[in-house]
Amino acid sequence: EYKDCPIIKVRCNSNAGIRVWAAPGVKPTSKCLPNGSSWKVLKIYYHNSDVWYNLGGNQWVSKKGTVYLENKFYK
């Protein structure tokens, strides 16, 4: 069980949302997360000057399309 997981909120210029990747920077999936949606982060990975957030399993998003919500954590 994960405790005190940070929450990210999707923010982007596209109505389509942001792309979900199977691995950081390696393989995009056909899934997108909607703009304005919030997600619990289970892992954080630093790769080539980018930060990637794992949302569970093989679901990763880049920080370039997301932002931390200040002082908000999933408990």
N, C-alpha and C. Protein backbone atom coordinates (compact mmCIF):
# COMPACT_ATOMS: atom_id res chain seq x y z
N GLU A 1 0.85 -1.18 0.00
CA GLU A 1 0.00 0.00 0.00
C GLU A 1 0.89 1.24 0.00
N TYR A 2 0.53 2.20 -0.82
CA TYR A 2 1.27 3.45 -0.88
C TYR A 2 0.59 4.48 0.01
N LYS A 3 1.39 5.22 0.75
CA LYS A 3 0.83 6.25 1.61
C LYS A 3 1.47 7.58 1.26
N ASP A 4 0.72 8.63 1.44
CA ASP A 4 1.20 9.98 1.18
C ASP A 4 1.77 10.13 -0.22
N CYS A 5 1.05 9.65 -1.21
CA CYS A 5 1.46 9.78 -2.61
C CYS A 5 1.11 11.17 -3.11
N PRO A 6 2.04 11.84 -3.81
CA PRO A 6 1.70 13.15 -4.35
C PRO A 6 0.62 13.05 -5.41
N ILE A 7 -0.08 14.13 -5.59
CA ILE A 7 -1.13 14.22 -6.60
C ILE A 7 -0.65 15.17 -7.69
N ILE A 8 -0.79 14.77 -8.96
CA ILE A 8 -0.49 15.66 -10.06
C ILE A 8 -1.79 16.04 -10.75
N LYS A 9 -1.76 17.20 -11.38
CA LYS A 9 -2.92 17.66 -12.15
C LYS A 9 -2.46 17.91 -13.58
N VAL A 10 -3.20 17.38 -14.54
CA VAL A 10 -2.87 17.54 -15.95
C VAL A 10 -3.17 18.97 -16.38
N ARG A 11 -2.20 19.58 -17.03
CA ARG A 11 -2.40 20.91 -17.60
C ARG A 11 -1.72 20.92 -18.97
N CYS A 12 -2.44 21.24 -19.98
CA CYS A 12 -1.88 21.27 -21.33
C CYS A 12 -2.71 22.18 -22.22
N ASN A 13 -2.16 22.50 -23.37
CA ASN A 13 -2.85 23.37 -24.32
C ASN A 13 -3.79 22.59 -25.23
N SER A 14 -3.71 21.27 -25.18
CA SER A 14 -4.51 20.44 -26.07
C SER A 14 -5.77 19.95 -25.37
N ASN A 15 -6.89 19.99 -26.07
CA ASN A 15 -8.12 19.43 -25.52
C ASN A 15 -8.05 17.92 -25.41
N ALA A 16 -7.11 17.31 -26.14
CA ALA A 16 -6.96 15.85 -26.12
C ALA A 16 -6.30 15.37 -24.84
N GLY A 17 -5.65 16.26 -24.09
CA GLY A 17 -4.96 15.86 -22.87
C GLY A 17 -3.51 15.52 -23.14
N ILE A 18 -2.90 14.72 -22.25
CA ILE A 18 -1.50 14.33 -22.43
C ILE A 18 -1.41 12.83 -22.64
N ARG A 19 -0.39 12.45 -23.38
CA ARG A 19 -0.16 11.05 -23.74
C ARG A 19 0.36 10.26 -22.55
N VAL A 20 -0.10 9.04 -22.41
CA VAL A 20 0.41 8.09 -21.42
C VAL A 20 1.44 7.21 -22.12
N TRP A 21 2.55 6.94 -21.45
CA TRP A 21 3.64 6.14 -22.00
C TRP A 21 3.75 4.82 -21.25
N ALA A 22 4.19 3.77 -21.94
CA ALA A 22 4.38 2.45 -21.32
C ALA A 22 5.65 2.43 -20.48
N ALA A 23 6.61 3.29 -20.82
CA ALA A 23 7.86 3.46 -20.07
C ALA A 23 8.34 4.88 -20.32
N PRO A 24 9.12 5.46 -19.41
CA PRO A 24 9.54 6.85 -19.57
C PRO A 24 10.28 7.10 -20.89
N GLY A 25 9.68 7.90 -21.75
CA GLY A 25 10.30 8.31 -22.99
C GLY A 25 10.52 7.24 -24.03
N VAL A 26 9.95 6.05 -23.83
CA VAL A 26 10.25 4.93 -24.72
C VAL A 26 9.10 4.57 -25.65
N LYS A 27 7.92 4.34 -25.11
CA LYS A 27 6.83 3.83 -25.93
C LYS A 27 5.50 4.48 -25.54
N PRO A 28 5.00 5.41 -26.38
CA PRO A 28 3.70 6.01 -26.08
C PRO A 28 2.57 5.01 -26.31
N THR A 29 1.52 5.14 -25.54
CA THR A 29 0.34 4.30 -25.73
C THR A 29 -0.72 5.13 -26.46
N SER A 30 -1.84 4.55 -26.72
CA SER A 30 -2.93 5.29 -27.37
C SER A 30 -3.79 6.04 -26.34
N LYS A 31 -3.49 5.86 -25.05
CA LYS A 31 -4.28 6.47 -23.99
C LYS A 31 -3.81 7.90 -23.70
N CYS A 32 -4.76 8.78 -23.43
CA CYS A 32 -4.47 10.16 -23.02
C CYS A 32 -5.22 10.46 -21.73
N LEU A 33 -4.62 11.29 -20.90
CA LEU A 33 -5.29 11.75 -19.68
C LEU A 33 -5.91 13.11 -19.96
N PRO A 34 -7.17 13.30 -19.58
CA PRO A 34 -7.85 14.56 -19.89
C PRO A 34 -7.27 15.77 -19.16
N ASN A 35 -7.29 16.89 -19.84
CA ASN A 35 -6.84 18.15 -19.25
C ASN A 35 -7.69 18.46 -18.02
N GLY A 36 -7.03 18.87 -16.94
CA GLY A 36 -7.74 19.21 -15.71
C GLY A 36 -7.94 18.06 -14.75
N SER A 37 -7.61 16.82 -15.17
CA SER A 37 -7.79 15.66 -14.29
C SER A 37 -6.63 15.54 -13.31
N SER A 38 -6.86 14.90 -12.17
CA SER A 38 -5.85 14.71 -11.13
C SER A 38 -5.58 13.23 -10.94
N TRP A 39 -4.31 12.91 -10.62
CA TRP A 39 -3.88 11.51 -10.52
C TRP A 39 -2.91 11.30 -9.37
N LYS A 40 -3.00 10.15 -8.74
CA LYS A 40 -2.08 9.76 -7.67
C LYS A 40 -0.79 9.23 -8.30
N VAL A 41 0.36 9.68 -7.79
CA VAL A 41 1.67 9.25 -8.29
C VAL A 41 2.23 8.15 -7.39
N LEU A 42 2.62 7.03 -8.00
CA LEU A 42 3.17 5.92 -7.23
C LEU A 42 4.69 5.87 -7.27
N LYS A 43 5.30 6.37 -8.36
CA LYS A 43 6.76 6.41 -8.48
C LYS A 43 7.15 7.67 -9.24
N ILE A 44 8.37 8.13 -8.99
CA ILE A 44 8.93 9.26 -9.73
C ILE A 44 10.26 8.82 -10.30
N TYR A 45 10.48 9.11 -11.59
CA TYR A 45 11.70 8.69 -12.29
C TYR A 45 12.30 9.89 -13.02
N TYR A 46 13.61 10.09 -12.84
CA TYR A 46 14.31 11.19 -13.50
C TYR A 46 15.04 10.63 -14.71
N HIS A 47 14.79 11.22 -15.91
CA HIS A 47 15.36 10.69 -17.15
C HIS A 47 15.65 11.84 -18.12
N ASN A 48 16.94 12.03 -18.46
CA ASN A 48 17.34 13.03 -19.45
C ASN A 48 16.70 14.40 -19.24
N SER A 49 16.91 15.00 -18.13
CA SER A 49 16.39 16.33 -17.77
C SER A 49 14.86 16.41 -17.76
N ASP A 50 14.20 15.29 -17.66
CA ASP A 50 12.75 15.27 -17.54
C ASP A 50 12.39 14.44 -16.31
N VAL A 51 11.22 14.68 -15.78
CA VAL A 51 10.71 13.91 -14.65
C VAL A 51 9.48 13.16 -15.15
N TRP A 52 9.41 11.87 -14.80
CA TRP A 52 8.28 11.03 -15.21
C TRP A 52 7.57 10.53 -13.97
N TYR A 53 6.24 10.50 -14.04
CA TYR A 53 5.41 10.04 -12.94
C TYR A 53 4.72 8.75 -13.33
N ASN A 54 4.82 7.75 -12.45
CA ASN A 54 4.14 6.48 -12.67
C ASN A 54 2.80 6.52 -11.97
N LEU A 55 1.76 6.17 -12.72
CA LEU A 55 0.40 6.20 -12.19
C LEU A 55 -0.12 4.81 -11.88
N GLY A 56 0.79 3.83 -11.93
CA GLY A 56 0.44 2.44 -11.68
C GLY A 56 0.73 1.59 -12.90
N GLY A 57 1.36 0.44 -12.68
CA GLY A 57 1.68 -0.45 -13.80
C GLY A 57 2.56 0.23 -14.82
N ASN A 58 2.26 0.02 -16.09
CA ASN A 58 3.02 0.63 -17.19
C ASN A 58 2.35 1.90 -17.68
N GLN A 59 2.03 2.78 -16.75
CA GLN A 59 1.38 4.05 -17.09
C GLN A 59 2.24 5.20 -16.57
N TRP A 60 2.92 5.88 -17.49
CA TRP A 60 3.82 6.97 -17.15
C TRP A 60 3.41 8.24 -17.87
N VAL A 61 3.59 9.38 -17.22
CA VAL A 61 3.39 10.68 -17.87
C VAL A 61 4.58 11.57 -17.55
N SER A 62 4.89 12.46 -18.49
CA SER A 62 6.00 13.39 -18.33
C SER A 62 5.56 14.62 -17.55
N LYS A 63 6.47 15.16 -16.76
CA LYS A 63 6.18 16.38 -16.00
C LYS A 63 5.85 17.54 -16.93
N LYS A 64 6.33 17.48 -18.16
CA LYS A 64 6.08 18.58 -19.10
C LYS A 64 4.59 18.83 -19.29
N GLY A 65 3.77 17.83 -19.05
CA GLY A 65 2.33 18.00 -19.21
C GLY A 65 1.58 17.99 -17.90
N THR A 66 2.30 18.04 -16.78
CA THR A 66 1.64 17.93 -15.48
C THR A 66 2.22 18.93 -14.49
N VAL A 67 1.57 19.06 -13.37
CA VAL A 67 2.06 19.95 -12.32
C VAL A 67 1.64 19.38 -10.96
N TYR A 68 2.51 19.52 -9.97
CA TYR A 68 2.13 19.13 -8.61
C TYR A 68 1.07 20.08 -8.07
N LEU A 69 0.18 19.55 -7.33
CA LEU A 69 -0.75 20.39 -6.58
C LEU A 69 -0.12 20.62 -5.21
N GLU A 70 0.08 21.85 -4.85
CA GLU A 70 0.75 22.17 -3.60
C GLU A 70 0.09 21.52 -2.39
N ASN A 71 0.88 20.85 -1.58
CA ASN A 71 0.44 20.27 -0.31
C ASN A 71 -0.74 19.32 -0.42
N LYS A 72 -0.90 18.68 -1.56
CA LYS A 72 -1.98 17.70 -1.69
C LYS A 72 -1.38 16.32 -1.89
N PHE A 73 -1.81 15.41 -1.04
CA PHE A 73 -1.32 14.04 -1.09
C PHE A 73 -2.49 13.09 -0.93
N TYR A 74 -2.38 11.94 -1.56
CA TYR A 74 -3.37 10.88 -1.40
C TYR A 74 -2.97 10.08 -0.19
N LYS A 75 -3.89 9.83 0.70
CA LYS A 75 -3.58 9.06 1.92
C LYS A 75 -4.36 7.78 1.95
